[in-house]
Amino acid sequence: MKWQDRQNWRRLRSGMSKGEVTDLLGEPDKIDNFGVLGEEWHYGYLTGGKVSFSSNEKIDSWREP
């Protein structure tokens, strides 16, 4: 699983697109959609990391697993 490789997480950059994140980490296990506030993608939901997207669908922040 791509998301389990920490080197992939370290390639993330603010402003990356959802497609770029999927290329690096694979498909998320869970997506929380907050409408106009954006989304959070969860990898390894309880013990993994997450990627937060702003309303323009670009990375706002992330937390490595």
N, C-alpha and C. Protein backbone atom coordinates (compact mmCIF):
# COMPACT_ATOMS: atom_id res chain seq x y z
N MET A 1 0.84 -1.19 0.00
CA MET A 1 0.00 0.00 0.00
C MET A 1 0.88 1.25 0.00
N LYS A 2 0.64 2.10 -0.95
CA LYS A 2 1.48 3.29 -1.12
C LYS A 2 1.48 4.20 0.11
N TRP A 3 0.34 4.30 0.78
CA TRP A 3 0.25 5.25 1.89
C TRP A 3 1.11 4.82 3.08
N GLN A 4 1.49 3.57 3.15
CA GLN A 4 2.29 3.10 4.28
C GLN A 4 3.77 3.45 4.14
N ASP A 5 4.19 3.94 2.99
CA ASP A 5 5.57 4.34 2.75
C ASP A 5 5.74 5.81 3.15
N ARG A 6 6.47 6.06 4.20
CA ARG A 6 6.64 7.45 4.70
C ARG A 6 7.27 8.37 3.66
N GLN A 7 8.08 7.82 2.78
CA GLN A 7 8.70 8.66 1.74
C GLN A 7 7.63 9.27 0.85
N ASN A 8 6.55 8.55 0.61
CA ASN A 8 5.46 9.12 -0.19
C ASN A 8 4.81 10.29 0.53
N TRP A 9 4.63 10.19 1.84
CA TRP A 9 4.06 11.29 2.60
C TRP A 9 4.97 12.51 2.55
N ARG A 10 6.25 12.29 2.53
CA ARG A 10 7.21 13.40 2.53
C ARG A 10 7.32 14.08 1.18
N ARG A 11 6.68 13.53 0.17
CA ARG A 11 6.63 14.16 -1.14
C ARG A 11 5.41 15.08 -1.29
N LEU A 12 4.50 15.03 -0.33
CA LEU A 12 3.32 15.89 -0.37
C LEU A 12 3.73 17.35 -0.23
N ARG A 13 3.00 18.21 -0.91
CA ARG A 13 3.23 19.66 -0.83
C ARG A 13 1.88 20.38 -0.83
N SER A 14 1.81 21.48 -0.11
CA SER A 14 0.59 22.29 -0.12
C SER A 14 0.26 22.67 -1.55
N GLY A 15 -1.02 22.64 -1.88
CA GLY A 15 -1.46 23.03 -3.20
C GLY A 15 -1.54 21.89 -4.21
N MET A 16 -1.10 20.68 -3.81
CA MET A 16 -1.20 19.54 -4.74
C MET A 16 -2.67 19.19 -4.97
N SER A 17 -2.94 18.62 -6.13
CA SER A 17 -4.31 18.23 -6.49
C SER A 17 -4.64 16.85 -5.91
N LYS A 18 -5.92 16.53 -5.93
CA LYS A 18 -6.37 15.21 -5.48
C LYS A 18 -5.74 14.10 -6.32
N GLY A 19 -5.61 14.33 -7.62
CA GLY A 19 -4.99 13.34 -8.50
C GLY A 19 -3.54 13.08 -8.13
N GLU A 20 -2.82 14.14 -7.79
CA GLU A 20 -1.42 13.99 -7.39
C GLU A 20 -1.31 13.21 -6.09
N VAL A 21 -2.23 13.46 -5.16
CA VAL A 21 -2.23 12.73 -3.89
C VAL A 21 -2.54 11.26 -4.13
N THR A 22 -3.52 10.98 -4.98
CA THR A 22 -3.86 9.59 -5.29
C THR A 22 -2.67 8.88 -5.93
N ASP A 23 -1.94 9.56 -6.80
CA ASP A 23 -0.75 8.97 -7.42
C ASP A 23 0.29 8.59 -6.37
N LEU A 24 0.46 9.43 -5.34
CA LEU A 24 1.47 9.18 -4.30
C LEU A 24 1.00 8.17 -3.26
N LEU A 25 -0.23 8.31 -2.79
CA LEU A 25 -0.69 7.54 -1.63
C LEU A 25 -1.71 6.46 -1.96
N GLY A 26 -2.28 6.49 -3.14
CA GLY A 26 -3.35 5.56 -3.49
C GLY A 26 -4.71 6.12 -3.06
N GLU A 27 -5.72 5.30 -3.23
CA GLU A 27 -7.08 5.71 -2.85
C GLU A 27 -7.22 5.74 -1.33
N PRO A 28 -7.91 6.73 -0.78
CA PRO A 28 -8.10 6.79 0.68
C PRO A 28 -9.06 5.71 1.15
N ASP A 29 -8.95 5.36 2.43
CA ASP A 29 -9.86 4.39 3.04
C ASP A 29 -11.20 5.03 3.36
N LYS A 30 -11.18 6.33 3.63
CA LYS A 30 -12.41 7.04 4.02
C LYS A 30 -12.26 8.50 3.60
N ILE A 31 -13.37 9.10 3.17
CA ILE A 31 -13.40 10.52 2.81
C ILE A 31 -14.49 11.20 3.63
N ASP A 32 -14.12 12.26 4.32
CA ASP A 32 -15.10 13.11 5.01
C ASP A 32 -15.25 14.37 4.17
N ASN A 33 -16.47 14.63 3.71
CA ASN A 33 -16.75 15.79 2.87
C ASN A 33 -17.46 16.84 3.72
N PHE A 34 -16.88 18.03 3.77
CA PHE A 34 -17.43 19.12 4.57
C PHE A 34 -18.03 20.22 3.69
N GLY A 35 -18.43 19.86 2.48
CA GLY A 35 -19.05 20.81 1.56
C GLY A 35 -18.10 21.94 1.19
N VAL A 36 -18.53 23.17 1.39
CA VAL A 36 -17.71 24.33 1.00
C VAL A 36 -16.43 24.46 1.83
N LEU A 37 -16.33 23.72 2.92
CA LEU A 37 -15.13 23.77 3.76
C LEU A 37 -14.03 22.84 3.28
N GLY A 38 -14.36 21.90 2.38
CA GLY A 38 -13.35 21.00 1.85
C GLY A 38 -13.58 19.55 2.23
N GLU A 39 -12.50 18.77 2.20
CA GLU A 39 -12.56 17.33 2.48
C GLU A 39 -11.35 16.89 3.28
N GLU A 40 -11.50 15.76 3.97
CA GLU A 40 -10.37 15.08 4.59
C GLU A 40 -10.34 13.66 4.06
N TRP A 41 -9.17 13.25 3.60
CA TRP A 41 -8.96 11.87 3.14
C TRP A 41 -8.18 11.15 4.23
N HIS A 42 -8.69 9.99 4.63
CA HIS A 42 -8.08 9.20 5.69
C HIS A 42 -7.45 7.93 5.11
N TYR A 43 -6.25 7.65 5.56
CA TYR A 43 -5.52 6.45 5.16
C TYR A 43 -5.22 5.65 6.41
N GLY A 44 -5.67 4.38 6.43
CA GLY A 44 -5.50 3.61 7.65
C GLY A 44 -6.27 4.27 8.78
N TYR A 45 -7.52 4.54 8.51
CA TYR A 45 -8.40 5.46 9.24
C TYR A 45 -8.02 5.75 10.69
N LEU A 46 -7.98 4.78 11.58
CA LEU A 46 -7.75 5.08 13.00
C LEU A 46 -6.29 5.33 13.35
N THR A 47 -5.38 4.64 12.70
CA THR A 47 -3.97 4.76 13.07
C THR A 47 -3.13 5.38 11.96
N GLY A 48 -3.74 5.70 10.87
CA GLY A 48 -3.01 6.20 9.72
C GLY A 48 -2.93 7.71 9.68
N GLY A 49 -2.74 8.23 8.48
CA GLY A 49 -2.62 9.66 8.28
C GLY A 49 -3.85 10.23 7.61
N LYS A 50 -3.82 11.53 7.41
CA LYS A 50 -4.93 12.18 6.71
C LYS A 50 -4.41 13.34 5.90
N VAL A 51 -5.14 13.64 4.85
CA VAL A 51 -4.84 14.77 3.99
C VAL A 51 -6.09 15.64 3.94
N SER A 52 -5.92 16.92 4.21
CA SER A 52 -7.04 17.86 4.18
C SER A 52 -6.96 18.72 2.93
N PHE A 53 -8.09 18.84 2.26
CA PHE A 53 -8.19 19.65 1.06
C PHE A 53 -9.08 20.85 1.33
N SER A 54 -8.70 22.00 0.80
CA SER A 54 -9.54 23.19 0.91
C SER A 54 -10.65 23.11 -0.12
N SER A 55 -11.50 24.10 -0.14
CA SER A 55 -12.64 24.10 -1.06
C SER A 55 -12.23 24.15 -2.52
N ASN A 56 -10.99 24.55 -2.82
CA ASN A 56 -10.52 24.56 -4.21
C ASN A 56 -9.90 23.22 -4.62
N GLU A 57 -10.07 22.20 -3.77
CA GLU A 57 -9.63 20.82 -4.01
C GLU A 57 -8.12 20.67 -4.09
N LYS A 58 -7.40 21.52 -3.39
CA LYS A 58 -5.94 21.44 -3.29
C LYS A 58 -5.57 21.15 -1.83
N ILE A 59 -4.40 20.51 -1.63
CA ILE A 59 -3.97 20.18 -0.27
C ILE A 59 -3.84 21.46 0.56
N ASP A 60 -4.44 21.38 1.74
CA ASP A 60 -4.35 22.45 2.72
C ASP A 60 -3.35 22.05 3.82
N SER A 61 -3.44 20.78 4.28
CA SER A 61 -2.55 20.27 5.32
C SER A 61 -2.61 18.74 5.31
N TRP A 62 -1.72 18.12 6.07
CA TRP A 62 -1.73 16.66 6.19
C TRP A 62 -1.05 16.26 7.48
N ARG A 63 -1.32 15.01 7.87
CA ARG A 63 -0.70 14.41 9.06
C ARG A 63 -0.23 13.02 8.66
N GLU A 64 1.05 12.76 8.79
CA GLU A 64 1.59 11.46 8.44
C GLU A 64 1.13 10.42 9.46
N PRO A 65 1.06 9.15 9.02
CA PRO A 65 0.70 8.09 9.98
C PRO A 65 1.81 7.84 10.97
